[in-house]
Amino acid sequence: WDLPSLRYHFVEGDCELVPGIKLIETSGHVPGHQAVLVGLPETGAFLLAIDAVPHSSMLDADTHWVMPIDMDEKDTRKSTRKLVVSQK
């Protein structure tokens, strides 16, 4: 990740990297956090929530506990709702 030959392109917010791969802004855990939504032709969408939703028991944004390492409770819950909607 720190090789001089690598060139990074920083993005903010939601964006489509390439067809079928989307970055979803999920601040709350940390500012600028992003999840990855991959569209798979045979099985459909696959969400890599990373640290935004570390366990499936935390998918209900209104009732799940927010982890002490989440920096912003309001944004954490907002991001959880956004990820649930992205799967529909």
C-alpha atoms as a PDB file:
ATOM      1  CA  TRP A   1       0.000   0.000   0.000  1.00  0.00           C
ATOM      2  CA  ASP A   2       2.950   2.348   0.362  1.00  0.00           C
ATOM      3  CA  LEU A   3       4.862   1.578  -2.823  1.00  0.00           C
ATOM      4  CA  PRO A   4       5.928   4.691  -4.751  1.00  0.00           C
ATOM      5  CA  SER A   5       4.703   3.134  -8.003  1.00  0.00           C
ATOM      6  CA  LEU A   6       1.094   2.888  -6.772  1.00  0.00           C
ATOM      7  CA  ARG A   7      -1.320   5.661  -7.702  1.00  0.00           C
ATOM      8  CA  TYR A   8      -4.410   6.166  -5.597  1.00  0.00           C
ATOM      9  CA  HIS A   9      -7.641   7.859  -6.577  1.00  0.00           C
ATOM     10  CA  PHE A  10      -9.524   9.082  -3.527  1.00  0.00           C
ATOM     11  CA  VAL A  11     -13.308   9.212  -3.641  1.00  0.00           C
ATOM     12  CA  GLU A  12     -15.900  10.687  -1.319  1.00  0.00           C
ATOM     13  CA  GLY A  13     -19.459   9.522  -0.957  1.00  0.00           C
ATOM     14  CA  ASP A  14     -21.094   6.760  -2.976  1.00  0.00           C
ATOM     15  CA  CYS A  15     -19.602   5.879  -6.335  1.00  0.00           C
ATOM     16  CA  GLU A  16     -19.420   3.099  -8.874  1.00  0.00           C
ATOM     17  CA  LEU A  17     -15.791   1.994  -9.252  1.00  0.00           C
ATOM     18  CA  VAL A  18     -16.451  -0.164 -12.272  1.00  0.00           C
ATOM     19  CA  PRO A  19     -19.674  -1.716 -13.540  1.00  0.00           C
ATOM     20  CA  GLY A  20     -20.943  -4.037 -10.820  1.00  0.00           C
ATOM     21  CA  ILE A  21     -18.765  -2.702  -7.980  1.00  0.00           C
ATOM     22  CA  LYS A  22     -20.055   0.198  -5.906  1.00  0.00           C
ATOM     23  CA  LEU A  23     -18.581   1.987  -2.915  1.00  0.00           C
ATOM     24  CA  ILE A  24     -21.166   3.056  -0.353  1.00  0.00           C
ATOM     25  CA  GLU A  25     -20.263   5.823   2.071  1.00  0.00           C
ATOM     26  CA  THR A  26     -20.891   4.522   5.592  1.00  0.00           C
ATOM     27  CA  SER A  27     -19.466   7.066   8.001  1.00  0.00           C
ATOM     28  CA  GLY A  28     -20.281   6.508  11.642  1.00  0.00           C
ATOM     29  CA  HIS A  29     -17.731   3.903  12.573  1.00  0.00           C
ATOM     30  CA  VAL A  30     -15.101   6.362  11.342  1.00  0.00           C
ATOM     31  CA  PRO A  31     -15.390   9.381   9.026  1.00  0.00           C
ATOM     32  CA  GLY A  32     -15.095   8.395   5.375  1.00  0.00           C
ATOM     33  CA  HIS A  33     -15.696   4.669   5.949  1.00  0.00           C
ATOM     34  CA  GLN A  34     -16.955   2.838   2.875  1.00  0.00           C
ATOM     35  CA  ALA A  35     -18.637  -0.492   2.282  1.00  0.00           C
ATOM     36  CA  VAL A  36     -18.441  -2.377  -1.011  1.00  0.00           C
ATOM     37  CA  LEU A  37     -21.453  -3.696  -2.937  1.00  0.00           C
ATOM     38  CA  VAL A  38     -20.556  -6.264  -5.579  1.00  0.00           C
ATOM     39  CA  GLY A  39     -23.105  -7.342  -8.183  1.00  0.00           C
ATOM     40  CA  LEU A  40     -22.565 -11.022  -8.954  1.00  0.00           C
ATOM     41  CA  PRO A  41     -24.229 -12.301 -12.135  1.00  0.00           C
ATOM     42  CA  GLU A  42     -25.285 -15.688 -10.765  1.00  0.00           C
ATOM     43  CA  THR A  43     -26.146 -14.920  -7.149  1.00  0.00           C
ATOM     44  CA  GLY A  44     -26.957 -11.207  -7.088  1.00  0.00           C
ATOM     45  CA  ALA A  45     -25.583  -8.510  -4.837  1.00  0.00           C
ATOM     46  CA  PHE A  46     -22.975  -9.272  -2.184  1.00  0.00           C
ATOM     47  CA  LEU A  47     -22.336  -6.619   0.448  1.00  0.00           C
ATOM     48  CA  LEU A  48     -19.003  -6.221   2.196  1.00  0.00           C
ATOM     49  CA  ALA A  49     -20.045  -3.979   5.078  1.00  0.00           C
ATOM     50  CA  ILE A  50     -16.568  -4.182   6.624  1.00  0.00           C
ATOM     51  CA  ASP A  51     -16.757  -2.434  10.049  1.00  0.00           C
ATOM     52  CA  ALA A  52     -20.039  -0.603   9.369  1.00  0.00           C
ATOM     53  CA  VAL A  53     -22.080  -3.668  10.409  1.00  0.00           C
ATOM     54  CA  PRO A  54     -19.733  -6.270  11.882  1.00  0.00           C
ATOM     55  CA  HIS A  55     -22.449  -8.861  12.569  1.00  0.00           C
ATOM     56  CA  SER A  56     -25.825  -9.689  11.037  1.00  0.00           C
ATOM     57  CA  SER A  57     -27.491  -9.266  14.442  1.00  0.00           C
ATOM     58  CA  MET A  58     -26.752  -5.542  14.111  1.00  0.00           C
ATOM     59  CA  LEU A  59     -28.805  -4.936  10.944  1.00  0.00           C
ATOM     60  CA  ASP A  60     -31.694  -3.289  12.800  1.00  0.00           C
ATOM     61  CA  ALA A  61     -30.415   0.273  13.142  1.00  0.00           C
ATOM     62  CA  ASP A  62     -33.087   1.182  15.683  1.00  0.00           C
ATOM     63  CA  THR A  63     -32.320  -1.553  18.203  1.00  0.00           C
ATOM     64  CA  HIS A  64     -28.727  -2.710  17.808  1.00  0.00           C
ATOM     65  CA  TRP A  65     -26.099  -1.523  20.216  1.00  0.00           C
ATOM     66  CA  VAL A  66     -23.456   0.817  18.876  1.00  0.00           C
ATOM     67  CA  MET A  67     -19.905  -0.315  19.570  1.00  0.00           C
ATOM     68  CA  PRO A  68     -17.639   1.869  21.710  1.00  0.00           C
ATOM     69  CA  ILE A  69     -15.258   2.159  18.751  1.00  0.00           C
ATOM     70  CA  ASP A  70     -17.960   3.752  16.555  1.00  0.00           C
ATOM     71  CA  MET A  71     -17.183   7.455  16.488  1.00  0.00           C
ATOM     72  CA  ASP A  72     -20.689   8.790  15.777  1.00  0.00           C
ATOM     73  CA  GLU A  73     -23.823   6.952  16.926  1.00  0.00           C
ATOM     74  CA  LYS A  74     -26.236   8.917  14.715  1.00  0.00           C
ATOM     75  CA  ASP A  75     -24.153   8.339  11.568  1.00  0.00           C
ATOM     76  CA  THR A  76     -23.601   4.683  12.488  1.00  0.00           C
ATOM     77  CA  ARG A  77     -27.353   4.091  12.610  1.00  0.00           C
ATOM     78  CA  LYS A  78     -27.884   6.118   9.413  1.00  0.00           C
ATOM     79  CA  SER A  79     -25.245   4.045   7.599  1.00  0.00           C
ATOM     80  CA  THR A  80     -26.790   0.796   8.836  1.00  0.00           C
ATOM     81  CA  ARG A  81     -30.174   1.831   7.407  1.00  0.00           C
ATOM     82  CA  LYS A  82     -28.505   2.792   4.129  1.00  0.00           C
ATOM     83  CA  LEU A  83     -26.841  -0.619   3.827  1.00  0.00           C
ATOM     84  CA  VAL A  84     -30.076  -2.479   4.536  1.00  0.00           C
ATOM     85  CA  VAL A  85     -31.843  -0.471   1.810  1.00  0.00           C
ATOM     86  CA  SER A  86     -28.978  -1.168  -0.635  1.00  0.00           C
ATOM     87  CA  GLN A  87     -29.770  -4.881  -0.386  1.00  0.00           C
ATOM     88  CA  LYS A  88     -33.405  -4.521  -1.483  1.00  0.00           C
END
